Amino acid sequence: CTDDQNFEAKTVGVGENVTLTCTRQRTLHLTYLFWIRLVSGTFPEILGGTLSYDFEGVDETNHITAKQEPGTFVLHITKTQLSDTAVYICIKVKDRNMTFLKGIFLRIKG
């Protein structure tokens, strides 16, 4: 089984809501998924994590929510701010191996 890896760019206006989606394949092997944010000049920020199997946990920080939805691991950003401009990456960690599944350059225009 191979993971689809892609990178995209998305632009939204200040105050809009945006949802970033990462495919989540259910597996019996212990596998973790994480959304991280990269901003130039700062350390990477972990926004949320989940397991590959169905799990109801939700990670919330300020106006950002990371949670599972059917077949996906999503990152919801409500009322975007200029400071939300960043590269967002979905990462899979399995057996000490890290795979970058999706990268999104999100630009917030004011």
C-alpha atoms as a PDB file:
ATOM      1  CA  CYS A   1       0.000   0.000   0.000  1.00  0.00           C
ATOM      2  CA  THR A   2       1.414   3.392  -0.932  1.00  0.00           C
ATOM      3  CA  ASP A   3       0.523   6.739   0.560  1.00  0.00           C
ATOM      4  CA  ASP A   4      -0.616   9.519  -1.718  1.00  0.00           C
ATOM      5  CA  GLN A   5       1.695  12.478  -1.176  1.00  0.00           C
ATOM      6  CA  ASN A   6       0.904  15.892  -2.525  1.00  0.00           C
ATOM      7  CA  PHE A   7       1.512  19.583  -1.982  1.00  0.00           C
ATOM      8  CA  GLU A   8      -0.929  22.341  -2.803  1.00  0.00           C
ATOM      9  CA  ALA A   9      -1.439  26.043  -2.288  1.00  0.00           C
ATOM     10  CA  LYS A  10      -4.632  27.643  -1.081  1.00  0.00           C
ATOM     11  CA  THR A  11      -5.554  31.301  -0.618  1.00  0.00           C
ATOM     12  CA  VAL A  12      -8.460  32.544   1.501  1.00  0.00           C
ATOM     13  CA  GLY A  13      -9.489  35.908   2.880  1.00  0.00           C
ATOM     14  CA  VAL A  14      -9.180  37.087   6.461  1.00  0.00           C
ATOM     15  CA  GLY A  15     -12.153  35.924   8.520  1.00  0.00           C
ATOM     16  CA  GLU A  16     -13.019  32.970   6.298  1.00  0.00           C
ATOM     17  CA  ASN A  17     -13.229  29.392   7.554  1.00  0.00           C
ATOM     18  CA  VAL A  18     -10.982  26.773   5.954  1.00  0.00           C
ATOM     19  CA  THR A  19     -10.755  22.990   6.244  1.00  0.00           C
ATOM     20  CA  LEU A  20      -7.578  21.072   5.395  1.00  0.00           C
ATOM     21  CA  THR A  21      -8.022  17.344   4.807  1.00  0.00           C
ATOM     22  CA  CYS A  22      -5.653  14.403   5.076  1.00  0.00           C
ATOM     23  CA  THR A  23      -6.613  10.853   4.084  1.00  0.00           C
ATOM     24  CA  ARG A  24      -6.790   8.429   7.011  1.00  0.00           C
ATOM     25  CA  GLN A  25      -6.488   4.745   6.192  1.00  0.00           C
ATOM     26  CA  ARG A  26      -7.792   2.526   8.962  1.00  0.00           C
ATOM     27  CA  THR A  27      -5.255  -0.086  10.007  1.00  0.00           C
ATOM     28  CA  LEU A  28      -4.762  -2.475  12.893  1.00  0.00           C
ATOM     29  CA  HIS A  29      -1.127  -1.376  13.192  1.00  0.00           C
ATOM     30  CA  LEU A  30      -0.495   1.422  15.658  1.00  0.00           C
ATOM     31  CA  THR A  31      -0.226   4.461  13.390  1.00  0.00           C
ATOM     32  CA  TYR A  32      -0.421   8.133  14.334  1.00  0.00           C
ATOM     33  CA  LEU A  33      -1.365  11.130  12.207  1.00  0.00           C
ATOM     34  CA  PHE A  34      -0.362  14.706  13.052  1.00  0.00           C
ATOM     35  CA  TRP A  35      -1.084  18.149  11.634  1.00  0.00           C
ATOM     36  CA  ILE A  36       1.849  20.522  12.079  1.00  0.00           C
ATOM     37  CA  ARG A  37       2.294  24.169  11.125  1.00  0.00           C
ATOM     38  CA  LEU A  38       5.520  25.669   9.823  1.00  0.00           C
ATOM     39  CA  VAL A  39       6.062  29.415  10.006  1.00  0.00           C
ATOM     40  CA  SER A  40       9.347  30.949   8.904  1.00  0.00           C
ATOM     41  CA  GLY A  41      11.571  31.826  11.844  1.00  0.00           C
ATOM     42  CA  THR A  42       9.735  29.643  14.400  1.00  0.00           C
ATOM     43  CA  PHE A  43       9.811  26.030  15.532  1.00  0.00           C
ATOM     44  CA  PRO A  44       7.208  23.679  14.015  1.00  0.00           C
ATOM     45  CA  GLU A  45       3.938  23.648  15.948  1.00  0.00           C
ATOM     46  CA  ILE A  46       1.951  20.451  16.472  1.00  0.00           C
ATOM     47  CA  LEU A  47      -1.710  21.386  16.029  1.00  0.00           C
ATOM     48  CA  GLY A  48      -3.256  17.990  16.670  1.00  0.00           C
ATOM     49  CA  GLY A  49      -2.827  14.264  16.449  1.00  0.00           C
ATOM     50  CA  THR A  50      -4.935  11.139  16.138  1.00  0.00           C
ATOM     51  CA  LEU A  51      -4.755   7.403  15.594  1.00  0.00           C
ATOM     52  CA  SER A  52      -5.376   5.599  12.321  1.00  0.00           C
ATOM     53  CA  TYR A  53      -8.316   3.686  13.754  1.00  0.00           C
ATOM     54  CA  ASP A  54     -11.594   5.405  14.625  1.00  0.00           C
ATOM     55  CA  PHE A  55     -11.087   7.675  17.611  1.00  0.00           C
ATOM     56  CA  GLU A  56     -13.309  10.458  18.909  1.00  0.00           C
ATOM     57  CA  GLY A  57     -10.639  12.712  20.421  1.00  0.00           C
ATOM     58  CA  VAL A  58     -10.526  16.356  19.321  1.00  0.00           C
ATOM     59  CA  ASP A  59      -7.606  18.782  19.651  1.00  0.00           C
ATOM     60  CA  GLU A  60      -8.556  22.463  19.906  1.00  0.00           C
ATOM     61  CA  THR A  61      -6.308  25.502  20.179  1.00  0.00           C
ATOM     62  CA  ASN A  62      -7.767  28.988  19.857  1.00  0.00           C
ATOM     63  CA  HIS A  63      -9.574  28.890  16.499  1.00  0.00           C
ATOM     64  CA  ILE A  64      -8.048  25.634  15.203  1.00  0.00           C
ATOM     65  CA  THR A  65      -9.584  22.176  15.595  1.00  0.00           C
ATOM     66  CA  ALA A  66      -8.046  18.851  14.547  1.00  0.00           C
ATOM     67  CA  LYS A  67     -10.279  15.783  14.504  1.00  0.00           C
ATOM     68  CA  GLN A  68     -11.210  12.631  12.650  1.00  0.00           C
ATOM     69  CA  GLU A  69     -13.984  12.525  10.120  1.00  0.00           C
ATOM     70  CA  PRO A  70     -14.936   9.431   8.085  1.00  0.00           C
ATOM     71  CA  GLY A  71     -11.777   8.321   6.258  1.00  0.00           C
ATOM     72  CA  THR A  72      -9.976  11.594   6.969  1.00  0.00           C
ATOM     73  CA  PHE A  73      -8.104  13.627   9.582  1.00  0.00           C
ATOM     74  CA  VAL A  74      -9.128  17.254   9.224  1.00  0.00           C
ATOM     75  CA  LEU A  75      -7.876  20.604  10.427  1.00  0.00           C
ATOM     76  CA  HIS A  76     -10.571  23.278  10.740  1.00  0.00           C
ATOM     77  CA  ILE A  77      -9.453  26.898  11.023  1.00  0.00           C
ATOM     78  CA  THR A  78     -12.278  29.279  11.877  1.00  0.00           C
ATOM     79  CA  LYS A  79     -12.164  33.011  11.228  1.00  0.00           C
ATOM     80  CA  THR A  80      -8.697  32.964   9.664  1.00  0.00           C
ATOM     81  CA  GLN A  81      -6.180  35.630  10.628  1.00  0.00           C
ATOM     82  CA  LEU A  82      -3.158  36.922   8.724  1.00  0.00           C
ATOM     83  CA  SER A  83      -0.981  35.026  11.227  1.00  0.00           C
ATOM     84  CA  ASP A  84      -2.483  31.734   9.960  1.00  0.00           C
ATOM     85  CA  THR A  85      -0.405  32.085   6.779  1.00  0.00           C
ATOM     86  CA  ALA A  86       1.909  29.055   6.936  1.00  0.00           C
ATOM     87  CA  VAL A  87       2.754  25.646   5.537  1.00  0.00           C
ATOM     88  CA  TYR A  88       0.541  22.965   7.072  1.00  0.00           C
ATOM     89  CA  ILE A  89       1.738  19.367   6.883  1.00  0.00           C
ATOM     90  CA  CYS A  90      -0.049  16.122   7.648  1.00  0.00           C
ATOM     91  CA  ILE A  91       2.393  13.475   8.865  1.00  0.00           C
ATOM     92  CA  LYS A  92       1.957   9.749   9.445  1.00  0.00           C
ATOM     93  CA  VAL A  93       4.134   8.016  12.057  1.00  0.00           C
ATOM     94  CA  LYS A  94       4.289   4.209  12.077  1.00  0.00           C
ATOM     95  CA  ASP A  95       6.986   2.016  13.627  1.00  0.00           C
ATOM     96  CA  ARG A  96       9.374   4.974  14.052  1.00  0.00           C
ATOM     97  CA  ASN A  97       8.970   5.865  10.371  1.00  0.00           C
ATOM     98  CA  MET A  98       7.627   9.288   9.457  1.00  0.00           C
ATOM     99  CA  THR A  99       5.827   9.913   6.145  1.00  0.00           C
ATOM    100  CA  PHE A 100       4.743  13.329   4.906  1.00  0.00           C
ATOM    101  CA  LEU A 101       1.270  12.745   3.461  1.00  0.00           C
ATOM    102  CA  LYS A 102       0.130  16.231   2.537  1.00  0.00           C
ATOM    103  CA  GLY A 103       1.534  19.737   2.503  1.00  0.00           C
ATOM    104  CA  ILE A 104      -0.536  22.883   2.056  1.00  0.00           C
ATOM    105  CA  PHE A 105       0.750  26.404   1.771  1.00  0.00           C
ATOM    106  CA  LEU A 106      -2.134  28.437   3.173  1.00  0.00           C
ATOM    107  CA  ARG A 107      -2.025  32.144   2.357  1.00  0.00           C
ATOM    108  CA  ILE A 108      -4.389  34.503   4.136  1.00  0.00           C
ATOM    109  CA  LYS A 109      -5.024  37.718   2.241  1.00  0.00           C
ATOM    110  CA  GLY A 110      -6.165  40.849   4.015  1.00  0.00           C
END
